[in-house]
Amino acid sequence: MPVCPNCNYEYVPGIVICPDCNTPLVDAIELDKYSELSEEDWVLVYTSFSEIDADLLKENLESAGIAVSILSQKDSNFPVPGDLSTIKLFVKKADVPEALEFIQEVKRKPLDSEEDADE
């Protein structure tokens, strides 16, 4: 049975993403490995007000082999701008230098790509 590693809610088979926090669900058997991690194991590396921006960056970091966890304070039932709708990306302490370098590189690329398209 799929379970959300953030919320610990169980879902019926077929659902792959938690509707509450947008975290990919894991099998209940795999949930045990998440209990071994504590808050001290994760470091905040990026914040955004855009859910799309945070999700894209999360996918890019995961494709680089960096474990990422999202904490979304955004409530789609009650849209609020500003600090109340912040989306935070956390990585493991050991991955912080690599993650920060990767984020800077990804954030630079769109500007470089636009300049290349103009030429």
PDB file of N, CA and C in Angstrom:
ATOM      1  N   MET A   1       0.839  -1.174   0.000  1.00  0.00           N
ATOM      2  CA  MET A   1       0.000   0.000   0.000  1.00  0.00           C
ATOM      3  C   MET A   1       0.889   1.244   0.000  1.00  0.00           C
ATOM      4  N   PRO A   2       0.613   2.223  -0.890  1.00  0.00           N
ATOM      5  CA  PRO A   2       1.437   3.434  -0.943  1.00  0.00           C
ATOM      6  C   PRO A   2       1.227   4.332   0.279  1.00  0.00           C
ATOM      7  N   VAL A   3       2.331   4.916   0.751  1.00  0.00           N
ATOM      8  CA  VAL A   3       2.324   5.770   1.933  1.00  0.00           C
ATOM      9  C   VAL A   3       3.139   7.013   1.625  1.00  0.00           C
ATOM     10  N   CYS A   4       2.712   8.158   2.144  1.00  0.00           N
ATOM     11  CA  CYS A   4       3.487   9.400   1.994  1.00  0.00           C
ATOM     12  C   CYS A   4       4.567   9.443   3.071  1.00  0.00           C
ATOM     13  N   PRO A   5       5.839   9.596   2.688  1.00  0.00           N
ATOM     14  CA  PRO A   5       6.906   9.653   3.691  1.00  0.00           C
ATOM     15  C   PRO A   5       6.881  10.933   4.528  1.00  0.00           C
ATOM     16  N   ASN A   6       6.219  11.995   4.034  1.00  0.00           N
ATOM     17  CA  ASN A   6       6.112  13.242   4.803  1.00  0.00           C
ATOM     18  C   ASN A   6       4.933  13.215   5.763  1.00  0.00           C
ATOM     19  N   CYS A   7       3.757  12.865   5.235  1.00  0.00           N
ATOM     20  CA  CYS A   7       2.511  12.921   6.021  1.00  0.00           C
ATOM     21  C   CYS A   7       2.196  11.625   6.762  1.00  0.00           C
ATOM     22  N   ASN A   8       2.764  10.524   6.284  1.00  0.00           N
ATOM     23  CA  ASN A   8       2.493   9.184   6.814  1.00  0.00           C
ATOM     24  C   ASN A   8       1.054   8.723   6.581  1.00  0.00           C
ATOM     25  N   TYR A   9       0.376   9.315   5.594  1.00  0.00           N
ATOM     26  CA  TYR A   9      -0.974   8.862   5.240  1.00  0.00           C
ATOM     27  C   TYR A   9      -0.875   7.731   4.231  1.00  0.00           C
ATOM     28  N   GLU A  10      -1.784   6.789   4.348  1.00  0.00           N
ATOM     29  CA  GLU A  10      -1.848   5.678   3.399  1.00  0.00           C
ATOM     30  C   GLU A  10      -2.869   6.006   2.315  1.00  0.00           C
ATOM     31  N   TYR A  11      -2.579   5.553   1.094  1.00  0.00           N
ATOM     32  CA  TYR A  11      -3.466   5.798  -0.033  1.00  0.00           C
ATOM     33  C   TYR A  11      -3.783   4.488  -0.734  1.00  0.00           C
ATOM     34  N   VAL A  12      -4.846   4.504  -1.507  1.00  0.00           N
ATOM     35  CA  VAL A  12      -5.228   3.307  -2.253  1.00  0.00           C
ATOM     36  C   VAL A  12      -4.231   3.087  -3.380  1.00  0.00           C
ATOM     37  N   PRO A  13      -4.016   1.845  -3.809  1.00  0.00           N
ATOM     38  CA  PRO A  13      -3.102   1.579  -4.919  1.00  0.00           C
ATOM     39  C   PRO A  13      -3.529   2.357  -6.170  1.00  0.00           C
ATOM     40  N   GLY A  14      -2.543   2.861  -6.888  1.00  0.00           N
ATOM     41  CA  GLY A  14      -2.802   3.634  -8.088  1.00  0.00           C
ATOM     42  C   GLY A  14      -2.464   5.103  -7.921  1.00  0.00           C
ATOM     43  N   ILE A  15      -2.517   5.597  -6.696  1.00  0.00           N
ATOM     44  CA  ILE A  15      -2.140   6.988  -6.429  1.00  0.00           C
ATOM     45  C   ILE A  15      -0.630   7.004  -6.217  1.00  0.00           C
ATOM     46  N   VAL A  16       0.069   7.900  -6.923  1.00  0.00           N
ATOM     47  CA  VAL A  16       1.532   7.908  -6.853  1.00  0.00           C
ATOM     48  C   VAL A  16       2.109   9.157  -6.195  1.00  0.00           C
ATOM     49  N   ILE A  17       1.308  10.233  -6.076  1.00  0.00           N
ATOM     50  CA  ILE A  17       1.785  11.474  -5.467  1.00  0.00           C
ATOM     51  C   ILE A  17       0.808  11.886  -4.378  1.00  0.00           C
ATOM     52  N   CYS A  18       1.331  12.299  -3.243  1.00  0.00           N
ATOM     53  CA  CYS A  18       0.497  12.733  -2.127  1.00  0.00           C
ATOM     54  C   CYS A  18      -0.258  14.002  -2.523  1.00  0.00           C
ATOM     55  N   PRO A  19      -1.579  13.998  -2.438  1.00  0.00           N
ATOM     56  CA  PRO A  19      -2.342  15.188  -2.802  1.00  0.00           C
ATOM     57  C   PRO A  19      -2.184  16.332  -1.802  1.00  0.00           C
ATOM     58  N   ASP A  20      -1.671  16.051  -0.615  1.00  0.00           N
ATOM     59  CA  ASP A  20      -1.500  17.092   0.394  1.00  0.00           C
ATOM     60  C   ASP A  20      -0.177  17.839   0.271  1.00  0.00           C
ATOM     61  N   CYS A  21       0.919  17.107  -0.006  1.00  0.00           N
ATOM     62  CA  CYS A  21       2.234  17.759  -0.012  1.00  0.00           C
ATOM     63  C   CYS A  21       3.019  17.536  -1.299  1.00  0.00           C
ATOM     64  N   ASN A  22       2.422  16.891  -2.289  1.00  0.00           N
ATOM     65  CA  ASN A  22       3.050  16.655  -3.597  1.00  0.00           C
ATOM     66  C   ASN A  22       4.334  15.834  -3.520  1.00  0.00           C
ATOM     67  N   THR A  23       4.454  14.982  -2.525  1.00  0.00           N
ATOM     68  CA  THR A  23       5.616  14.111  -2.377  1.00  0.00           C
ATOM     69  C   THR A  23       5.303  12.764  -3.029  1.00  0.00           C
ATOM     70  N   PRO A  24       6.244  12.217  -3.787  1.00  0.00           N
ATOM     71  CA  PRO A  24       6.005  10.867  -4.342  1.00  0.00           C
ATOM     72  C   PRO A  24       5.794   9.847  -3.231  1.00  0.00           C
ATOM     73  N   LEU A  25       4.778   9.022  -3.395  1.00  0.00           N
ATOM     74  CA  LEU A  25       4.478   8.002  -2.395  1.00  0.00           C
ATOM     75  C   LEU A  25       5.458   6.844  -2.499  1.00  0.00           C
ATOM     76  N   VAL A  26       5.681   6.170  -1.402  1.00  0.00           N
ATOM     77  CA  VAL A  26       6.560   5.002  -1.358  1.00  0.00           C
ATOM     78  C   VAL A  26       5.766   3.820  -0.829  1.00  0.00           C
ATOM     79  N   ASP A  27       6.287   2.642  -1.049  1.00  0.00           N
ATOM     80  CA  ASP A  27       5.655   1.435  -0.516  1.00  0.00           C
ATOM     81  C   ASP A  27       5.830   1.451   1.006  1.00  0.00           C
ATOM     82  N   ALA A  28       4.849   0.941   1.711  1.00  0.00           N
ATOM     83  CA  ALA A  28       4.889   0.938   3.180  1.00  0.00           C
ATOM     84  C   ALA A  28       6.155   0.258   3.708  1.00  0.00           C
ATOM     85  N   ILE A  29       6.663  -0.727   2.987  1.00  0.00           N
ATOM     86  CA  ILE A  29       7.887  -1.422   3.407  1.00  0.00           C
ATOM     87  C   ILE A  29       9.087  -0.481   3.359  1.00  0.00           C
ATOM     88  N   GLU A  30       9.128   0.398   2.350  1.00  0.00           N
ATOM     89  CA  GLU A  30      10.241   1.337   2.211  1.00  0.00           C
ATOM     90  C   GLU A  30      10.183   2.459   3.238  1.00  0.00           C
ATOM     91  N   LEU A  31       9.037   2.666   3.859  1.00  0.00           N
ATOM     92  CA  LEU A  31       8.862   3.765   4.802  1.00  0.00           C
ATOM     93  C   LEU A  31       9.804   3.658   5.994  1.00  0.00           C
ATOM     94  N   ASP A  32      10.220   2.448   6.348  1.00  0.00           N
ATOM     95  CA  ASP A  32      11.120   2.253   7.481  1.00  0.00           C
ATOM     96  C   ASP A  32      12.439   2.996   7.307  1.00  0.00           C
ATOM     97  N   LYS A  33      12.942   3.095   6.070  1.00  0.00           N
ATOM     98  CA  LYS A  33      14.221   3.769   5.872  1.00  0.00           C
ATOM     99  C   LYS A  33      14.115   5.273   6.116  1.00  0.00           C
ATOM    100  N   TYR A  34      12.909   5.844   5.979  1.00  0.00           N
ATOM    101  CA  TYR A  34      12.724   7.266   6.224  1.00  0.00           C
ATOM    102  C   TYR A  34      12.724   7.579   7.714  1.00  0.00           C
ATOM    103  N   SER A  35      12.352   6.637   8.546  1.00  0.00           N
ATOM    104  CA  SER A  35      12.324   6.887   9.984  1.00  0.00           C
ATOM    105  C   SER A  35      13.738   7.016  10.555  1.00  0.00           C
ATOM    106  N   GLU A  36      14.734   6.506   9.843  1.00  0.00           N
ATOM    107  CA  GLU A  36      16.114   6.597  10.305  1.00  0.00           C
ATOM    108  C   GLU A  36      16.672   8.010  10.155  1.00  0.00           C
ATOM    109  N   LEU A  37      16.033   8.829   9.353  1.00  0.00           N
ATOM    110  CA  LEU A  37      16.495  10.189   9.126  1.00  0.00           C
ATOM    111  C   LEU A  37      15.829  11.142  10.111  1.00  0.00           C
ATOM    112  N   SER A  38      16.573  12.137  10.538  1.00  0.00           N
ATOM    113  CA  SER A  38      16.000  13.133  11.435  1.00  0.00           C
ATOM    114  C   SER A  38      16.130  14.510  10.793  1.00  0.00           C
ATOM    115  N   GLU A  39      15.534  15.500  11.417  1.00  0.00           N
ATOM    116  CA  GLU A  39      15.594  16.857  10.876  1.00  0.00           C
ATOM    117  C   GLU A  39      17.033  17.356  10.759  1.00  0.00           C
ATOM    118  N   GLU A  40      17.899  16.890  11.642  1.00  0.00           N
ATOM    119  CA  GLU A  40      19.284  17.338  11.628  1.00  0.00           C
ATOM    120  C   GLU A  40      20.037  16.845  10.381  1.00  0.00           C
ATOM    121  N   ASP A  41      19.486  15.833   9.694  1.00  0.00           N
ATOM    122  CA  ASP A  41      20.135  15.279   8.507  1.00  0.00           C
ATOM    123  C   ASP A  41      19.888  16.111   7.256  1.00  0.00           C
ATOM    124  N   TRP A  42      18.969  17.072   7.325  1.00  0.00           N
ATOM    125  CA  TRP A  42      18.562  17.840   6.145  1.00  0.00           C
ATOM    126  C   TRP A  42      18.892  19.318   6.325  1.00  0.00           C
ATOM    127  N   VAL A  43      19.271  19.975   5.206  1.00  0.00           N
ATOM    128  CA  VAL A  43      19.639  21.385   5.228  1.00  0.00           C
ATOM    129  C   VAL A  43      18.849  22.109   4.141  1.00  0.00           C
ATOM    130  N   LEU A  44      18.322  23.277   4.474  1.00  0.00           N
ATOM    131  CA  LEU A  44      17.596  24.103   3.519  1.00  0.00           C
ATOM    132  C   LEU A  44      18.569  24.687   2.502  1.00  0.00           C
ATOM    133  N   VAL A  45      18.315  24.448   1.203  1.00  0.00           N
ATOM    134  CA  VAL A  45      19.216  24.970   0.170  1.00  0.00           C
ATOM    135  C   VAL A  45      18.525  25.917  -0.804  1.00  0.00           C
ATOM    136  N   TYR A  46      17.185  25.936  -0.800  1.00  0.00           N
ATOM    137  CA  TYR A  46      16.486  26.772  -1.773  1.00  0.00           C
ATOM    138  C   TYR A  46      15.062  27.046  -1.317  1.00  0.00           C
ATOM    139  N   THR A  47      14.596  28.262  -1.535  1.00  0.00           N
ATOM    140  CA  THR A  47      13.201  28.597  -1.283  1.00  0.00           C
ATOM    141  C   THR A  47      12.621  29.265  -2.517  1.00  0.00           C
ATOM    142  N   SER A  48      11.319  29.101  -2.683  1.00  0.00           N
ATOM    143  CA  SER A  48      10.632  29.667  -3.838  1.00  0.00           C
ATOM    144  C   SER A  48       9.175  29.917  -3.485  1.00  0.00           C
ATOM    145  N   PHE A  49       8.550  30.806  -4.230  1.00  0.00           N
ATOM    146  CA  PHE A  49       7.111  31.011  -4.092  1.00  0.00           C
ATOM    147  C   PHE A  49       6.377  30.283  -5.207  1.00  0.00           C
ATOM    148  N   SER A  50       7.142  29.747  -6.163  1.00  0.00           N
ATOM    149  CA  SER A  50       6.565  29.058  -7.317  1.00  0.00           C
ATOM    150  C   SER A  50       6.674  27.546  -7.142  1.00  0.00           C
ATOM    151  N   GLU A  51       5.524  26.882  -7.156  1.00  0.00           N
ATOM    152  CA  GLU A  51       5.501  25.427  -7.018  1.00  0.00           C
ATOM    153  C   GLU A  51       6.183  24.766  -8.219  1.00  0.00           C
ATOM    154  N   ILE A  52       5.964  25.324  -9.386  1.00  0.00           N
ATOM    155  CA  ILE A  52       6.563  24.775 -10.613  1.00  0.00           C
ATOM    156  C   ILE A  52       8.080  24.890 -10.557  1.00  0.00           C
ATOM    157  N   ASP A  53       8.574  26.049 -10.143  1.00  0.00           N
ATOM    158  CA  ASP A  53      10.016  26.267 -10.030  1.00  0.00           C
ATOM    159  C   ASP A  53      10.648  25.269  -9.064  1.00  0.00           C
ATOM    160  N   ALA A  54      10.018  25.081  -7.910  1.00  0.00           N
ATOM    161  CA  ALA A  54      10.546  24.155  -6.901  1.00  0.00           C
ATOM    162  C   ALA A  54      10.512  22.713  -7.409  1.00  0.00           C
ATOM    163  N   ASP A  55       9.413  22.319  -8.057  1.00  0.00           N
ATOM    164  CA  ASP A  55       9.304  20.945  -8.574  1.00  0.00           C
ATOM    165  C   ASP A  55      10.332  20.672  -9.663  1.00  0.00           C
ATOM    166  N   LEU A  56      10.541  21.647 -10.566  1.00  0.00           N
ATOM    167  CA  LEU A  56      11.534  21.468 -11.626  1.00  0.00           C
ATOM    168  C   LEU A  56      12.942  21.338 -11.046  1.00  0.00           C
ATOM    169  N   LEU A  57      13.243  22.183 -10.075  1.00  0.00           N
ATOM    170  CA  LEU A  57      14.565  22.113  -9.453  1.00  0.00           C
ATOM    171  C   LEU A  57      14.738  20.797  -8.700  1.00  0.00           C
ATOM    172  N   LYS A  58      13.701  20.331  -8.043  1.00  0.00           N
ATOM    173  CA  LYS A  58      13.751  19.044  -7.341  1.00  0.00           C
ATOM    174  C   LYS A  58      14.046  17.916  -8.331  1.00  0.00           C
ATOM    175  N   GLU A  59      13.354  17.910  -9.459  1.00  0.00           N
ATOM    176  CA  GLU A  59      13.574  16.879 -10.472  1.00  0.00           C
ATOM    177  C   GLU A  59      15.006  16.943 -11.014  1.00  0.00           C
ATOM    178  N   ASN A  60      15.520  18.149 -11.234  1.00  0.00           N
ATOM    179  CA  ASN A  60      16.894  18.297 -11.718  1.00  0.00           C
ATOM    180  C   ASN A  60      17.908  17.781 -10.699  1.00  0.00           C
ATOM    181  N   LEU A  61      17.697  18.112  -9.430  1.00  0.00           N
ATOM    182  CA  LEU A  61      18.609  17.634  -8.386  1.00  0.00           C
ATOM    183  C   LEU A  61      18.560  16.113  -8.268  1.00  0.00           C
ATOM    184  N   GLU A  62      17.356  15.550  -8.325  1.00  0.00           N
ATOM    185  CA  GLU A  62      17.235  14.093  -8.236  1.00  0.00           C
ATOM    186  C   GLU A  62      17.870  13.409  -9.436  1.00  0.00           C
ATOM    187  N   SER A  63      17.807  14.041 -10.612  1.00  0.00           N
ATOM    188  CA  SER A  63      18.444  13.448 -11.790  1.00  0.00           C
ATOM    189  C   SER A  63      19.962  13.481 -11.669  1.00  0.00           C
ATOM    190  N   ALA A  64      20.472  14.370 -10.797  1.00  0.00           N
ATOM    191  CA  ALA A  64      21.910  14.434 -10.541  1.00  0.00           C
ATOM    192  C   ALA A  64      22.307  13.519  -9.384  1.00  0.00           C
ATOM    193  N   GLY A  65      21.351  12.748  -8.867  1.00  0.00           N
ATOM    194  CA  GLY A  65      21.655  11.804  -7.796  1.00  0.00           C
ATOM    195  C   GLY A  65      21.633  12.408  -6.408  1.00  0.00           C
ATOM    196  N   ILE A  66      20.997  13.562  -6.243  1.00  0.00           N
ATOM    197  CA  ILE A  66      20.922  14.235  -4.945  1.00  0.00           C
ATOM    198  C   ILE A  66      19.524  14.045  -4.375  1.00  0.00           C
ATOM    199  N   ALA A  67      19.442  13.485  -3.183  1.00  0.00           N
ATOM    200  CA  ALA A  67      18.144  13.280  -2.531  1.00  0.00           C
ATOM    201  C   ALA A  67      17.583  14.632  -2.093  1.00  0.00           C
ATOM    202  N   VAL A  68      16.320  14.873  -2.411  1.00  0.00           N
ATOM    203  CA  VAL A  68      15.685  16.152  -2.133  1.00  0.00           C
ATOM    204  C   VAL A  68      14.347  15.918  -1.436  1.00  0.00           C
ATOM    205  N   SER A  69      14.037  16.787  -0.491  1.00  0.00           N
ATOM    206  CA  SER A  69      12.736  16.761   0.157  1.00  0.00           C
ATOM    207  C   SER A  69      12.135  18.157   0.069  1.00  0.00           C
ATOM    208  N   ILE A  70      10.848  18.220  -0.257  1.00  0.00           N
ATOM    209  CA  ILE A  70      10.161  19.510  -0.374  1.00  0.00           C
ATOM    210  C   ILE A  70       9.252  19.706   0.827  1.00  0.00           C
ATOM    211  N   LEU A  71       9.293  20.912   1.390  1.00  0.00           N
ATOM    212  CA  LEU A  71       8.348  21.317   2.411  1.00  0.00           C
ATOM    213  C   LEU A  71       7.567  22.480   1.826  1.00  0.00           C
ATOM    214  N   SER A  72       6.303  22.234   1.542  1.00  0.00           N
ATOM    215  CA  SER A  72       5.466  23.258   0.941  1.00  0.00           C
ATOM    216  C   SER A  72       4.511  23.818   1.974  1.00  0.00           C
ATOM    217  N   GLN A  73       4.548  25.132   2.124  1.00  0.00           N
ATOM    218  CA  GLN A  73       3.609  25.794   3.013  1.00  0.00           C
ATOM    219  C   GLN A  73       2.454  26.375   2.211  1.00  0.00           C
ATOM    220  N   LYS A  74       2.427  26.020   0.928  1.00  0.00           N
ATOM    221  CA  LYS A  74       1.384  26.525   0.041  1.00  0.00           C
ATOM    222  C   LYS A  74       0.114  25.711   0.244  1.00  0.00           C
ATOM    223  N   ASP A  75      -0.994  26.400   0.379  1.00  0.00           N
ATOM    224  CA  ASP A  75      -2.294  25.753   0.536  1.00  0.00           C
ATOM    225  C   ASP A  75      -3.134  26.103  -0.678  1.00  0.00           C
ATOM    226  N   SER A  76      -3.382  25.108  -1.531  1.00  0.00           N
ATOM    227  CA  SER A  76      -4.110  25.377  -2.766  1.00  0.00           C
ATOM    228  C   SER A  76      -5.579  25.725  -2.495  1.00  0.00           C
ATOM    229  N   ASN A  77      -6.091  25.413  -1.314  1.00  0.00           N
ATOM    230  CA  ASN A  77      -7.472  25.761  -0.967  1.00  0.00           C
ATOM    231  C   ASN A  77      -7.616  27.212  -0.526  1.00  0.00           C
ATOM    232  N   PHE A  78      -6.501  27.785  -0.087  1.00  0.00           N
ATOM    233  CA  PHE A  78      -6.524  29.158   0.402  1.00  0.00           C
ATOM    234  C   PHE A  78      -5.274  29.872  -0.095  1.00  0.00           C
ATOM    235  N   PRO A  79      -5.266  30.335  -1.368  1.00  0.00           N
ATOM    236  CA  PRO A  79      -4.069  30.952  -1.930  1.00  0.00           C
ATOM    237  C   PRO A  79      -3.674  32.234  -1.201  1.00  0.00           C
ATOM    238  N   VAL A  80      -2.427  32.284  -0.772  1.00  0.00           N
ATOM    239  CA  VAL A  80      -1.903  33.436  -0.058  1.00  0.00           C
ATOM    240  C   VAL A  80      -0.538  33.769  -0.634  1.00  0.00           C
ATOM    241  N   PRO A  81      -0.314  35.009  -1.051  1.00  0.00           N
ATOM    242  CA  PRO A  81       1.016  35.379  -1.546  1.00  0.00           C
ATOM    243  C   PRO A  81       1.974  35.648  -0.383  1.00  0.00           C
ATOM    244  N   GLY A  82       3.240  35.653  -0.697  1.00  0.00           N
ATOM    245  CA  GLY A  82       4.238  36.018   0.304  1.00  0.00           C
ATOM    246  C   GLY A  82       4.792  34.844   1.076  1.00  0.00           C
ATOM    247  N   ASP A  83       5.315  35.141   2.260  1.00  0.00           N
ATOM    248  CA  ASP A  83       6.008  34.149   3.088  1.00  0.00           C
ATOM    249  C   ASP A  83       5.130  32.985   3.521  1.00  0.00           C
ATOM    250  N   LEU A  84       3.822  33.165   3.528  1.00  0.00           N
ATOM    251  CA  LEU A  84       2.942  32.083   3.961  1.00  0.00           C
ATOM    252  C   LEU A  84       2.827  30.986   2.912  1.00  0.00           C
ATOM    253  N   SER A  85       3.300  31.254   1.693  1.00  0.00           N
ATOM    254  CA  SER A  85       3.207  30.250   0.639  1.00  0.00           C
ATOM    255  C   SER A  85       4.591  29.829   0.144  1.00  0.00           C
ATOM    256  N   THR A  86       5.549  29.818   1.026  1.00  0.00           N
ATOM    257  CA  THR A  86       6.924  29.466   0.676  1.00  0.00           C
ATOM    258  C   THR A  86       7.068  27.959   0.474  1.00  0.00           C
ATOM    259  N   ILE A  87       7.852  27.592  -0.533  1.00  0.00           N
ATOM    260  CA  ILE A  87       8.166  26.194  -0.796  1.00  0.00           C
ATOM    261  C   ILE A  87       9.672  26.049  -0.583  1.00  0.00           C
ATOM    262  N   LYS A  88      10.057  25.116   0.264  1.00  0.00           N
ATOM    263  CA  LYS A  88      11.458  24.950   0.647  1.00  0.00           C
ATOM    264  C   LYS A  88      11.990  23.613   0.163  1.00  0.00           C
ATOM    265  N   LEU A  89      13.229  23.637  -0.359  1.00  0.00           N
ATOM    266  CA  LEU A  89      13.906  22.414  -0.777  1.00  0.00           C
ATOM    267  C   LEU A  89      15.024  22.108   0.210  1.00  0.00           C
ATOM    268  N   PHE A  90      15.018  20.869   0.703  1.00  0.00           N
ATOM    269  CA  PHE A  90      16.036  20.409   1.636  1.00  0.00           C
ATOM    270  C   PHE A  90      16.829  19.275   1.000  1.00  0.00           C
ATOM    271  N   VAL A  91      18.131  19.227   1.301  1.00  0.00           N
ATOM    272  CA  VAL A  91      18.975  18.112   0.877  1.00  0.00           C
ATOM    273  C   VAL A  91      19.729  17.590   2.093  1.00  0.00           C
ATOM    274  N   LYS A  92      20.289  16.407   1.966  1.00  0.00           N
ATOM    275  CA  LYS A  92      21.073  15.841   3.064  1.00  0.00           C
ATOM    276  C   LYS A  92      22.336  16.675   3.270  1.00  0.00           C
ATOM    277  N   LYS A  93      22.810  16.730   4.504  1.00  0.00           N
ATOM    278  CA  LYS A  93      23.986  17.536   4.839  1.00  0.00           C
ATOM    279  C   LYS A  93      25.177  17.229   3.931  1.00  0.00           C
ATOM    280  N   ALA A  94      25.394  15.964   3.656  1.00  0.00           N
ATOM    281  CA  ALA A  94      26.556  15.571   2.854  1.00  0.00           C
ATOM    282  C   ALA A  94      26.454  16.075   1.414  1.00  0.00           C
ATOM    283  N   ASP A  95      25.244  16.350   0.942  1.00  0.00           N
ATOM    284  CA  ASP A  95      25.037  16.769  -0.445  1.00  0.00           C
ATOM    285  C   ASP A  95      24.959  18.279  -0.625  1.00  0.00           C
ATOM    286  N   VAL A  96      25.069  19.055   0.450  1.00  0.00           N
ATOM    287  CA  VAL A  96      24.871  20.505   0.379  1.00  0.00           C
ATOM    288  C   VAL A  96      25.810  21.188  -0.621  1.00  0.00           C
ATOM    289  N   PRO A  97      27.135  20.988  -0.564  1.00  0.00           N
ATOM    290  CA  PRO A  97      28.001  21.689  -1.523  1.00  0.00           C
ATOM    291  C   PRO A  97      27.653  21.370  -2.983  1.00  0.00           C
ATOM    292  N   GLU A  98      27.433  20.093  -3.265  1.00  0.00           N
ATOM    293  CA  GLU A  98      27.097  19.675  -4.619  1.00  0.00           C
ATOM    294  C   GLU A  98      25.744  20.259  -5.045  1.00  0.00           C
ATOM    295  N   ALA A  99      24.781  20.261  -4.138  1.00  0.00           N
ATOM    296  CA  ALA A  99      23.445  20.780  -4.447  1.00  0.00           C
ATOM    297  C   ALA A  99      23.485  22.278  -4.727  1.00  0.00           C
ATOM    298  N   LEU A 100      24.202  23.028  -3.895  1.00  0.00           N
ATOM    299  CA  LEU A 100      24.292  24.481  -4.105  1.00  0.00           C
ATOM    300  C   LEU A 100      24.968  24.807  -5.430  1.00  0.00           C
ATOM    301  N   GLU A 101      26.011  24.089  -5.756  1.00  0.00           N
ATOM    302  CA  GLU A 101      26.695  24.292  -7.034  1.00  0.00           C
ATOM    303  C   GLU A 101      25.751  23.963  -8.189  1.00  0.00           C
ATOM    304  N   PHE A 102      25.021  22.876  -8.064  1.00  0.00           N
ATOM    305  CA  PHE A 102      24.090  22.459  -9.104  1.00  0.00           C
ATOM    306  C   PHE A 102      22.974  23.491  -9.281  1.00  0.00           C
ATOM    307  N   ILE A 103      22.441  24.014  -8.172  1.00  0.00           N
ATOM    308  CA  ILE A 103      21.372  25.018  -8.240  1.00  0.00           C
ATOM    309  C   ILE A 103      21.867  26.273  -8.939  1.00  0.00           C
ATOM    310  N   GLN A 104      23.061  26.728  -8.596  1.00  0.00           N
ATOM    311  CA  GLN A 104      23.619  27.921  -9.246  1.00  0.00           C
ATOM    312  C   GLN A 104      23.790  27.692 -10.739  1.00  0.00           C
ATOM    313  N   GLU A 105      24.243  26.510 -11.110  1.00  0.00           N
ATOM    314  CA  GLU A 105      24.441  26.184 -12.519  1.00  0.00           C
ATOM    315  C   GLU A 105      23.102  26.151 -13.271  1.00  0.00           C
ATOM    316  N   VAL A 106      22.099  25.538 -12.671  1.00  0.00           N
ATOM    317  CA  VAL A 106      20.775  25.445 -13.302  1.00  0.00           C
ATOM    318  C   VAL A 106      20.152  26.829 -13.437  1.00  0.00           C
ATOM    319  N   LYS A 107      20.287  27.663 -12.428  1.00  0.00           N
ATOM    320  CA  LYS A 107      19.705  29.002 -12.467  1.00  0.00           C
ATOM    321  C   LYS A 107      20.416  29.901 -13.483  1.00  0.00           C
ATOM    322  N   ARG A 108      21.676  29.624 -13.789  1.00  0.00           N
ATOM    323  CA  ARG A 108      22.426  30.397 -14.791  1.00  0.00           C
ATOM    324  C   ARG A 108      22.065  29.981 -16.208  1.00  0.00           C
ATOM    325  N   LYS A 109      21.759  28.715 -16.421  1.00  0.00           N
ATOM    326  CA  LYS A 109      21.550  28.188 -17.767  1.00  0.00           C
ATOM    327  C   LYS A 109      20.459  28.877 -18.572  1.00  0.00           C
ATOM    328  N   PRO A 110      19.288  29.183 -18.016  1.00  0.00           N
ATOM    329  CA  PRO A 110      18.266  29.819 -18.852  1.00  0.00           C
ATOM    330  C   PRO A 110      18.727  31.138 -19.459  1.00  0.00           C
ATOM    331  N   LEU A 111      19.501  31.919 -18.699  1.00  0.00           N
ATOM    332  CA  LEU A 111      20.010  33.175 -19.242  1.00  0.00           C
ATOM    333  C   LEU A 111      20.972  32.916 -20.392  1.00  0.00           C
ATOM    334  N   ASP A 112      21.856  31.940 -20.237  1.00  0.00           N
ATOM    335  CA  ASP A 112      22.797  31.610 -21.302  1.00  0.00           C
ATOM    336  C   ASP A 112      22.063  31.103 -22.535  1.00  0.00           C
ATOM    337  N   SER A 113      21.010  30.309 -22.345  1.00  0.00           N
ATOM    338  CA  SER A 113      20.250  29.741 -23.455  1.00  0.00           C
ATOM    339  C   SER A 113      19.536  30.831 -24.237  1.00  0.00           C
ATOM    340  N   GLU A 114      18.993  31.846 -23.545  1.00  0.00           N
ATOM    341  CA  GLU A 114      18.303  32.931 -24.219  1.00  0.00           C
ATOM    342  C   GLU A 114      19.280  33.739 -25.059  1.00  0.00           C
ATOM    343  N   GLU A 115      20.493  33.958 -24.544  1.00  0.00           N
ATOM    344  CA  GLU A 115      21.486  34.710 -25.306  1.00  0.00           C
ATOM    345  C   GLU A 115      21.885  33.951 -26.555  1.00  0.00           C
ATOM    346  N   ASP A 116      22.032  32.617 -26.445  1.00  0.00           N
ATOM    347  CA  ASP A 116      22.386  31.811 -27.606  1.00  0.00           C
ATOM    348  C   ASP A 116      21.287  31.842 -28.656  1.00  0.00           C
ATOM    349  N   ALA A 117      20.030  31.911 -28.231  1.00  0.00           N
ATOM    350  CA  ALA A 117      18.908  31.914 -29.167  1.00  0.00           C
ATOM    351  C   ALA A 117      18.842  33.219 -29.938  1.00  0.00           C
ATOM    352  N   ASP A 118      19.309  34.334 -29.324  1.00  0.00           N
ATOM    353  CA  ASP A 118      19.283  35.630 -29.998  1.00  0.00           C
ATOM    354  C   ASP A 118      20.331  35.727 -31.097  1.00  0.00           C
ATOM    355  N   GLU A 119      21.402  34.962 -30.983  1.00  0.00           N
ATOM    356  CA  GLU A 119      22.506  35.069 -31.945  1.00  0.00           C
ATOM    357  C   GLU A 119      22.222  34.385 -33.230  1.00  0.00           C
TER     358      GLU A 119
END
